[in-house]
Amino acid sequence: MDEYDWAIQEAKGWLDVTVVGDGGRAVVEVYDPVRLAQSVTSDMARLGRFTARCLLVVPSVTRENIESAVSALVDERFFGHG
């Protein structure tokens, strides 16, 4: 993605990211705290529940924040490989 695409994603406050590593891949739902709260509130009102498969919350949805957080999670073997 270029800078414009990242600016749009940061404004939206969420992004699905595929993390690929030794032995597998995982799709991570990345949110900023404000967008997460909005999504939880909306889903609770519509569905009576909120679900997320693999949730990562960062201060803002920027390339730097996502790469830093995913790198730390890989080091911690969060994804079961690393």
C-alpha atoms as a PDB file:
ATOM      1  CA  MET A   1       0.000   0.000   0.000  1.00  0.00           C
ATOM      2  CA  ASP A   2       1.165   3.533  -0.632  1.00  0.00           C
ATOM      3  CA  GLU A   3       0.954   6.489   1.770  1.00  0.00           C
ATOM      4  CA  TYR A   4      -2.522   7.439   0.529  1.00  0.00           C
ATOM      5  CA  ASP A   5      -3.859   3.920   1.180  1.00  0.00           C
ATOM      6  CA  TRP A   6      -2.363   3.940   4.670  1.00  0.00           C
ATOM      7  CA  ALA A   7      -3.925   7.339   5.377  1.00  0.00           C
ATOM      8  CA  ILE A   8      -7.335   5.964   4.402  1.00  0.00           C
ATOM      9  CA  GLN A   9      -6.910   2.895   6.617  1.00  0.00           C
ATOM     10  CA  GLU A  10      -5.779   5.035   9.533  1.00  0.00           C
ATOM     11  CA  ALA A  11      -8.900   7.185   9.125  1.00  0.00           C
ATOM     12  CA  LYS A  12     -11.138   4.092   8.939  1.00  0.00           C
ATOM     13  CA  GLY A  13      -9.547   2.702  12.087  1.00  0.00           C
ATOM     14  CA  TRP A  14      -9.453  -0.949  11.032  1.00  0.00           C
ATOM     15  CA  LEU A  15      -7.713  -3.296   8.636  1.00  0.00           C
ATOM     16  CA  ASP A  16      -7.470  -7.049   8.070  1.00  0.00           C
ATOM     17  CA  VAL A  17      -3.815  -8.113   7.887  1.00  0.00           C
ATOM     18  CA  THR A  18      -2.468 -11.509   6.855  1.00  0.00           C
ATOM     19  CA  VAL A  19       0.609 -12.482   8.858  1.00  0.00           C
ATOM     20  CA  VAL A  20       2.763 -15.069   7.102  1.00  0.00           C
ATOM     21  CA  GLY A  21       5.561 -16.838   8.914  1.00  0.00           C
ATOM     22  CA  ASP A  22       7.327 -20.138   9.332  1.00  0.00           C
ATOM     23  CA  GLY A  23       4.716 -22.827   9.205  1.00  0.00           C
ATOM     24  CA  GLY A  24       1.581 -20.829   8.605  1.00  0.00           C
ATOM     25  CA  ARG A  25      -0.444 -17.719   8.203  1.00  0.00           C
ATOM     26  CA  ALA A  26      -3.012 -15.900  10.282  1.00  0.00           C
ATOM     27  CA  VAL A  27      -5.532 -13.189   9.466  1.00  0.00           C
ATOM     28  CA  VAL A  28      -5.494 -10.489  12.127  1.00  0.00           C
ATOM     29  CA  GLU A  29      -8.249  -7.917  12.571  1.00  0.00           C
ATOM     30  CA  VAL A  30      -6.474  -4.665  13.495  1.00  0.00           C
ATOM     31  CA  TYR A  31      -8.463  -1.852  15.123  1.00  0.00           C
ATOM     32  CA  ASP A  32      -7.781   1.417  16.842  1.00  0.00           C
ATOM     33  CA  PRO A  33      -9.576   1.761  20.207  1.00  0.00           C
ATOM     34  CA  VAL A  34     -12.208   4.229  18.959  1.00  0.00           C
ATOM     35  CA  ARG A  35     -13.230   2.146  15.930  1.00  0.00           C
ATOM     36  CA  LEU A  36     -13.268  -1.019  18.056  1.00  0.00           C
ATOM     37  CA  ALA A  37     -15.688   0.595  20.506  1.00  0.00           C
ATOM     38  CA  GLN A  38     -17.896   1.727  17.616  1.00  0.00           C
ATOM     39  CA  SER A  39     -17.890  -1.768  16.082  1.00  0.00           C
ATOM     40  CA  VAL A  40     -18.673  -3.437  19.402  1.00  0.00           C
ATOM     41  CA  THR A  41     -21.543  -1.011  20.074  1.00  0.00           C
ATOM     42  CA  SER A  42     -22.969  -1.433  16.579  1.00  0.00           C
ATOM     43  CA  ASP A  43     -22.787  -5.234  16.588  1.00  0.00           C
ATOM     44  CA  MET A  44     -24.264  -5.431  20.081  1.00  0.00           C
ATOM     45  CA  ALA A  45     -27.220  -3.316  18.992  1.00  0.00           C
ATOM     46  CA  ARG A  46     -27.759  -5.256  15.753  1.00  0.00           C
ATOM     47  CA  LEU A  47     -26.790  -8.799  16.741  1.00  0.00           C
ATOM     48  CA  GLY A  48     -26.575  -8.902  20.512  1.00  0.00           C
ATOM     49  CA  ARG A  49     -22.930  -9.981  20.306  1.00  0.00           C
ATOM     50  CA  PHE A  50     -19.480  -9.014  19.029  1.00  0.00           C
ATOM     51  CA  THR A  51     -16.916 -11.491  17.750  1.00  0.00           C
ATOM     52  CA  ALA A  52     -13.428 -11.254  16.330  1.00  0.00           C
ATOM     53  CA  ARG A  53     -11.193 -14.143  15.288  1.00  0.00           C
ATOM     54  CA  CYS A  54      -7.758 -12.724  16.000  1.00  0.00           C
ATOM     55  CA  LEU A  55      -7.975  -9.185  17.317  1.00  0.00           C
ATOM     56  CA  LEU A  56      -5.129  -6.694  17.601  1.00  0.00           C
ATOM     57  CA  VAL A  57      -5.728  -3.205  18.976  1.00  0.00           C
ATOM     58  CA  VAL A  58      -3.123  -0.519  18.270  1.00  0.00           C
ATOM     59  CA  PRO A  59      -3.137   3.219  19.083  1.00  0.00           C
ATOM     60  CA  SER A  60      -3.802   4.043  15.421  1.00  0.00           C
ATOM     61  CA  VAL A  61      -3.914   1.901  12.285  1.00  0.00           C
ATOM     62  CA  THR A  62      -0.565   2.847  10.785  1.00  0.00           C
ATOM     63  CA  ARG A  63       2.007   0.680   9.068  1.00  0.00           C
ATOM     64  CA  GLU A  64       4.516   1.399  11.829  1.00  0.00           C
ATOM     65  CA  ASN A  65       2.127   0.462  14.667  1.00  0.00           C
ATOM     66  CA  ILE A  66       1.008  -2.733  12.936  1.00  0.00           C
ATOM     67  CA  GLU A  67       4.527  -3.866  12.026  1.00  0.00           C
ATOM     68  CA  SER A  68       5.780  -3.186  15.553  1.00  0.00           C
ATOM     69  CA  ALA A  69       2.895  -5.028  17.206  1.00  0.00           C
ATOM     70  CA  VAL A  70       3.000  -8.011  14.831  1.00  0.00           C
ATOM     71  CA  SER A  71       6.776  -8.291  15.242  1.00  0.00           C
ATOM     72  CA  ALA A  72       6.376  -8.403  19.026  1.00  0.00           C
ATOM     73  CA  LEU A  73       3.610 -11.018  18.726  1.00  0.00           C
ATOM     74  CA  VAL A  74       5.759 -13.177  16.443  1.00  0.00           C
ATOM     75  CA  ASP A  75       8.633 -12.935  18.955  1.00  0.00           C
ATOM     76  CA  GLU A  76       6.184 -14.040  21.675  1.00  0.00           C
ATOM     77  CA  ARG A  77       5.022 -16.949  19.471  1.00  0.00           C
ATOM     78  CA  PHE A  78       1.453 -15.622  19.643  1.00  0.00           C
ATOM     79  CA  PHE A  79       0.704 -17.159  16.257  1.00  0.00           C
ATOM     80  CA  GLY A  80       2.161 -20.553  17.222  1.00  0.00           C
ATOM     81  CA  HIS A  81       5.183 -20.077  14.998  1.00  0.00           C
ATOM     82  CA  GLY A  82       7.911 -17.543  14.654  1.00  0.00           C
END
